[in-house]
Amino acid sequence: MKDLDPEWRLRFKHFLEKYVKKEKAAALFSTHILSDVDEICEKLTVIKDGRVLFPGSLEELKKHFSFEESVLIKVQEVRKALELLKQFGYSPKLTNNFILLKNAEPPEINKLLVKNGITVEEIKKKGLTLETLYSTLYGRHKH
């Protein structure tokens, strides 16, 4: 069977969501598009080579791993920002022109930087994705 084009994929997702809600039924489908799983599934099963690696809810899968969420920050004065963040007990890392912080909240970091005269160009939370969870789980079960 050929892959669905984007329009038919959306139609299928909407149909599946409506059917499950209307009929109060469970639906089983297989996909490699993990963003779809994240959007519409309550429970999932990760299978590798015919073996079940994980059965359960997405929340259970997230709890299974101890990942820290990160904040990515783009500023004009990188050196100044790095020093300031170190002074306040953070361990910033520079990656792809962004400062990466673990276990930080964007509003607090933004306020700290702006208060100290640093222009923040972009700030965003980098959350845990199903792709990250899947690749970590899949990587742990290599033959």
C-alpha atoms as a PDB file:
ATOM      1  CA  MET A   1       0.000   0.000   0.000  1.00  0.00           C
ATOM      2  CA  LYS A   2       1.283   3.441  -0.887  1.00  0.00           C
ATOM      3  CA  ASP A   3       1.792   6.151   1.714  1.00  0.00           C
ATOM      4  CA  LEU A   4      -1.020   8.647   2.116  1.00  0.00           C
ATOM      5  CA  ASP A   5      -0.395  12.126   0.774  1.00  0.00           C
ATOM      6  CA  PRO A   6      -0.737  14.970   3.321  1.00  0.00           C
ATOM      7  CA  GLU A   7      -4.403  15.676   2.489  1.00  0.00           C
ATOM      8  CA  TRP A   8      -5.482  12.024   2.834  1.00  0.00           C
ATOM      9  CA  ARG A   9      -3.391  11.608   5.967  1.00  0.00           C
ATOM     10  CA  LEU A  10      -5.302  14.482   7.590  1.00  0.00           C
ATOM     11  CA  ARG A  11      -8.613  13.053   6.410  1.00  0.00           C
ATOM     12  CA  PHE A  12      -7.726   9.665   7.860  1.00  0.00           C
ATOM     13  CA  LYS A  13      -6.708  11.209  11.204  1.00  0.00           C
ATOM     14  CA  HIS A  14      -9.980  13.170  11.433  1.00  0.00           C
ATOM     15  CA  PHE A  15     -12.004  10.108  10.495  1.00  0.00           C
ATOM     16  CA  LEU A  16     -10.199   7.993  13.072  1.00  0.00           C
ATOM     17  CA  GLU A  17     -10.675  10.569  15.844  1.00  0.00           C
ATOM     18  CA  LYS A  18     -14.400  10.962  15.076  1.00  0.00           C
ATOM     19  CA  TYR A  19     -14.981   7.212  14.796  1.00  0.00           C
ATOM     20  CA  VAL A  20     -13.292   6.426  18.102  1.00  0.00           C
ATOM     21  CA  LYS A  21     -15.188   9.169  19.936  1.00  0.00           C
ATOM     22  CA  LYS A  22     -18.559   8.457  18.328  1.00  0.00           C
ATOM     23  CA  GLU A  23     -18.413   4.670  18.678  1.00  0.00           C
ATOM     24  CA  LYS A  24     -16.449   4.709  21.938  1.00  0.00           C
ATOM     25  CA  ALA A  25     -14.235   2.155  20.279  1.00  0.00           C
ATOM     26  CA  ALA A  26     -10.567   1.363  20.204  1.00  0.00           C
ATOM     27  CA  ALA A  27      -8.701   1.600  16.937  1.00  0.00           C
ATOM     28  CA  LEU A  28      -5.446  -0.061  16.062  1.00  0.00           C
ATOM     29  CA  PHE A  29      -3.196   1.412  13.412  1.00  0.00           C
ATOM     30  CA  SER A  30       0.466   1.276  12.557  1.00  0.00           C
ATOM     31  CA  THR A  31       2.492   4.306  11.547  1.00  0.00           C
ATOM     32  CA  HIS A  32       6.002   5.650  11.461  1.00  0.00           C
ATOM     33  CA  ILE A  33       4.703   9.224  11.725  1.00  0.00           C
ATOM     34  CA  LEU A  34       5.232   9.726  15.431  1.00  0.00           C
ATOM     35  CA  SER A  35       3.680  13.187  15.520  1.00  0.00           C
ATOM     36  CA  ASP A  36       0.372  11.537  14.545  1.00  0.00           C
ATOM     37  CA  VAL A  37       0.734   9.074  17.404  1.00  0.00           C
ATOM     38  CA  ASP A  38       1.444  11.947  19.786  1.00  0.00           C
ATOM     39  CA  GLU A  39      -1.646  13.849  18.580  1.00  0.00           C
ATOM     40  CA  ILE A  40      -4.326  11.157  18.523  1.00  0.00           C
ATOM     41  CA  CYS A  41      -3.307   8.145  20.595  1.00  0.00           C
ATOM     42  CA  GLU A  42      -3.968   7.552  24.254  1.00  0.00           C
ATOM     43  CA  LYS A  43      -1.986   4.321  24.369  1.00  0.00           C
ATOM     44  CA  LEU A  44       0.789   2.987  22.196  1.00  0.00           C
ATOM     45  CA  THR A  45       2.914  -0.084  21.764  1.00  0.00           C
ATOM     46  CA  VAL A  46       6.485   0.116  20.529  1.00  0.00           C
ATOM     47  CA  ILE A  47       7.519  -3.030  18.655  1.00  0.00           C
ATOM     48  CA  LYS A  48      10.950  -3.995  17.358  1.00  0.00           C
ATOM     49  CA  ASP A  49      11.639  -7.206  15.457  1.00  0.00           C
ATOM     50  CA  GLY A  50       8.339  -8.683  16.651  1.00  0.00           C
ATOM     51  CA  ARG A  51       9.063  -7.950  20.327  1.00  0.00           C
ATOM     52  CA  VAL A  52       7.053  -5.501  22.401  1.00  0.00           C
ATOM     53  CA  LEU A  53       9.460  -2.943  23.837  1.00  0.00           C
ATOM     54  CA  PHE A  54       6.843  -0.801  25.553  1.00  0.00           C
ATOM     55  CA  PRO A  55       3.078  -1.006  26.007  1.00  0.00           C
ATOM     56  CA  GLY A  56       1.213   1.823  27.725  1.00  0.00           C
ATOM     57  CA  SER A  57       0.255   5.462  27.632  1.00  0.00           C
ATOM     58  CA  LEU A  58       2.416   8.267  26.309  1.00  0.00           C
ATOM     59  CA  GLU A  59       2.641   9.700  29.830  1.00  0.00           C
ATOM     60  CA  GLU A  60       3.892   6.337  31.139  1.00  0.00           C
ATOM     61  CA  LEU A  61       6.504   6.301  28.394  1.00  0.00           C
ATOM     62  CA  LYS A  62       7.655   9.803  29.354  1.00  0.00           C
ATOM     63  CA  LYS A  63       7.910   8.789  33.013  1.00  0.00           C
ATOM     64  CA  HIS A  64       9.890   5.706  31.967  1.00  0.00           C
ATOM     65  CA  PHE A  65      12.760   8.017  31.013  1.00  0.00           C
ATOM     66  CA  SER A  66      14.280  10.741  33.133  1.00  0.00           C
ATOM     67  CA  PHE A  67      14.682  13.467  30.539  1.00  0.00           C
ATOM     68  CA  GLU A  68      15.134  17.086  31.417  1.00  0.00           C
ATOM     69  CA  GLU A  69      13.405  19.726  29.363  1.00  0.00           C
ATOM     70  CA  SER A  70      15.652  22.438  27.972  1.00  0.00           C
ATOM     71  CA  VAL A  71      15.425  26.075  27.020  1.00  0.00           C
ATOM     72  CA  LEU A  72      17.055  27.389  23.848  1.00  0.00           C
ATOM     73  CA  ILE A  73      18.004  31.068  23.820  1.00  0.00           C
ATOM     74  CA  LYS A  74      19.345  33.255  21.034  1.00  0.00           C
ATOM     75  CA  VAL A  75      20.880  36.542  22.140  1.00  0.00           C
ATOM     76  CA  GLN A  76      23.012  39.286  20.634  1.00  0.00           C
ATOM     77  CA  GLU A  77      25.595  39.367  23.438  1.00  0.00           C
ATOM     78  CA  VAL A  78      26.455  35.659  23.752  1.00  0.00           C
ATOM     79  CA  ARG A  79      29.540  35.945  25.991  1.00  0.00           C
ATOM     80  CA  LYS A  80      27.815  38.342  28.366  1.00  0.00           C
ATOM     81  CA  ALA A  81      24.769  36.071  28.567  1.00  0.00           C
ATOM     82  CA  LEU A  82      26.884  32.963  29.219  1.00  0.00           C
ATOM     83  CA  GLU A  83      28.745  34.680  32.077  1.00  0.00           C
ATOM     84  CA  LEU A  84      25.539  36.035  33.599  1.00  0.00           C
ATOM     85  CA  LEU A  85      23.824  32.652  33.498  1.00  0.00           C
ATOM     86  CA  LYS A  86      26.859  31.009  35.129  1.00  0.00           C
ATOM     87  CA  GLN A  87      26.763  33.646  37.899  1.00  0.00           C
ATOM     88  CA  PHE A  88      23.165  32.655  38.616  1.00  0.00           C
ATOM     89  CA  GLY A  89      23.988  28.958  38.942  1.00  0.00           C
ATOM     90  CA  TYR A  90      23.071  27.725  35.471  1.00  0.00           C
ATOM     91  CA  SER A  91      25.308  25.557  33.307  1.00  0.00           C
ATOM     92  CA  PRO A  92      24.814  27.052  29.844  1.00  0.00           C
ATOM     93  CA  LYS A  93      26.096  25.356  26.725  1.00  0.00           C
ATOM     94  CA  LEU A  94      26.492  26.938  23.319  1.00  0.00           C
ATOM     95  CA  THR A  95      25.043  24.885  20.464  1.00  0.00           C
ATOM     96  CA  ASN A  96      24.207  26.009  16.905  1.00  0.00           C
ATOM     97  CA  ASN A  97      24.171  29.716  17.872  1.00  0.00           C
ATOM     98  CA  PHE A  98      21.770  28.997  20.752  1.00  0.00           C
ATOM     99  CA  ILE A  99      22.444  28.879  24.456  1.00  0.00           C
ATOM    100  CA  LEU A 100      21.077  25.645  25.904  1.00  0.00           C
ATOM    101  CA  LEU A 101      19.922  25.465  29.527  1.00  0.00           C
ATOM    102  CA  LYS A 102      18.572  22.420  31.337  1.00  0.00           C
ATOM    103  CA  ASN A 103      15.761  22.741  33.876  1.00  0.00           C
ATOM    104  CA  ALA A 104      15.015  26.395  33.263  1.00  0.00           C
ATOM    105  CA  GLU A 105      11.837  28.317  32.509  1.00  0.00           C
ATOM    106  CA  PRO A 106      11.746  30.757  29.561  1.00  0.00           C
ATOM    107  CA  PRO A 107       9.969  33.622  31.399  1.00  0.00           C
ATOM    108  CA  GLU A 108      12.499  33.603  34.257  1.00  0.00           C
ATOM    109  CA  ILE A 109      15.489  33.422  31.933  1.00  0.00           C
ATOM    110  CA  ASN A 110      14.093  36.143  29.659  1.00  0.00           C
ATOM    111  CA  LYS A 111      13.508  38.442  32.629  1.00  0.00           C
ATOM    112  CA  LEU A 112      17.025  37.843  33.971  1.00  0.00           C
ATOM    113  CA  LEU A 113      18.692  38.538  30.646  1.00  0.00           C
ATOM    114  CA  VAL A 114      16.624  41.625  29.754  1.00  0.00           C
ATOM    115  CA  LYS A 115      17.050  43.061  33.277  1.00  0.00           C
ATOM    116  CA  ASN A 116      20.800  42.828  32.736  1.00  0.00           C
ATOM    117  CA  GLY A 117      20.745  44.585  29.361  1.00  0.00           C
ATOM    118  CA  ILE A 118      20.939  41.548  27.113  1.00  0.00           C
ATOM    119  CA  THR A 119      18.705  41.570  24.034  1.00  0.00           C
ATOM    120  CA  VAL A 120      16.854  38.271  23.634  1.00  0.00           C
ATOM    121  CA  GLU A 121      16.182  37.492  19.977  1.00  0.00           C
ATOM    122  CA  GLU A 122      14.497  34.147  20.551  1.00  0.00           C
ATOM    123  CA  ILE A 123      13.673  31.905  23.484  1.00  0.00           C
ATOM    124  CA  LYS A 124      11.865  28.597  23.371  1.00  0.00           C
ATOM    125  CA  LYS A 125      11.304  25.533  25.444  1.00  0.00           C
ATOM    126  CA  LYS A 126      12.636  22.332  23.944  1.00  0.00           C
ATOM    127  CA  GLY A 127      10.327  19.635  25.187  1.00  0.00           C
ATOM    128  CA  LEU A 128      10.458  15.920  25.161  1.00  0.00           C
ATOM    129  CA  THR A 129       9.240  14.533  21.847  1.00  0.00           C
ATOM    130  CA  LEU A 130       7.933  11.119  20.974  1.00  0.00           C
ATOM    131  CA  GLU A 131      10.741  10.856  18.413  1.00  0.00           C
ATOM    132  CA  THR A 132      13.326  11.317  21.184  1.00  0.00           C
ATOM    133  CA  LEU A 133      11.599   8.770  23.409  1.00  0.00           C
ATOM    134  CA  TYR A 134      11.262   6.264  20.587  1.00  0.00           C
ATOM    135  CA  SER A 135      14.870   6.519  19.465  1.00  0.00           C
ATOM    136  CA  THR A 136      16.083   6.181  23.042  1.00  0.00           C
ATOM    137  CA  LEU A 137      13.867   3.174  23.688  1.00  0.00           C
ATOM    138  CA  TYR A 138      14.767   1.616  20.325  1.00  0.00           C
ATOM    139  CA  GLY A 139      18.482   2.229  20.958  1.00  0.00           C
ATOM    140  CA  ARG A 140      18.370   0.484  24.332  1.00  0.00           C
ATOM    141  CA  HIS A 141      17.123  -2.732  22.719  1.00  0.00           C
ATOM    142  CA  LYS A 142      19.775  -3.355  20.070  1.00  0.00           C
ATOM    143  CA  HIS A 143      20.651  -6.889  19.140  1.00  0.00           C
END
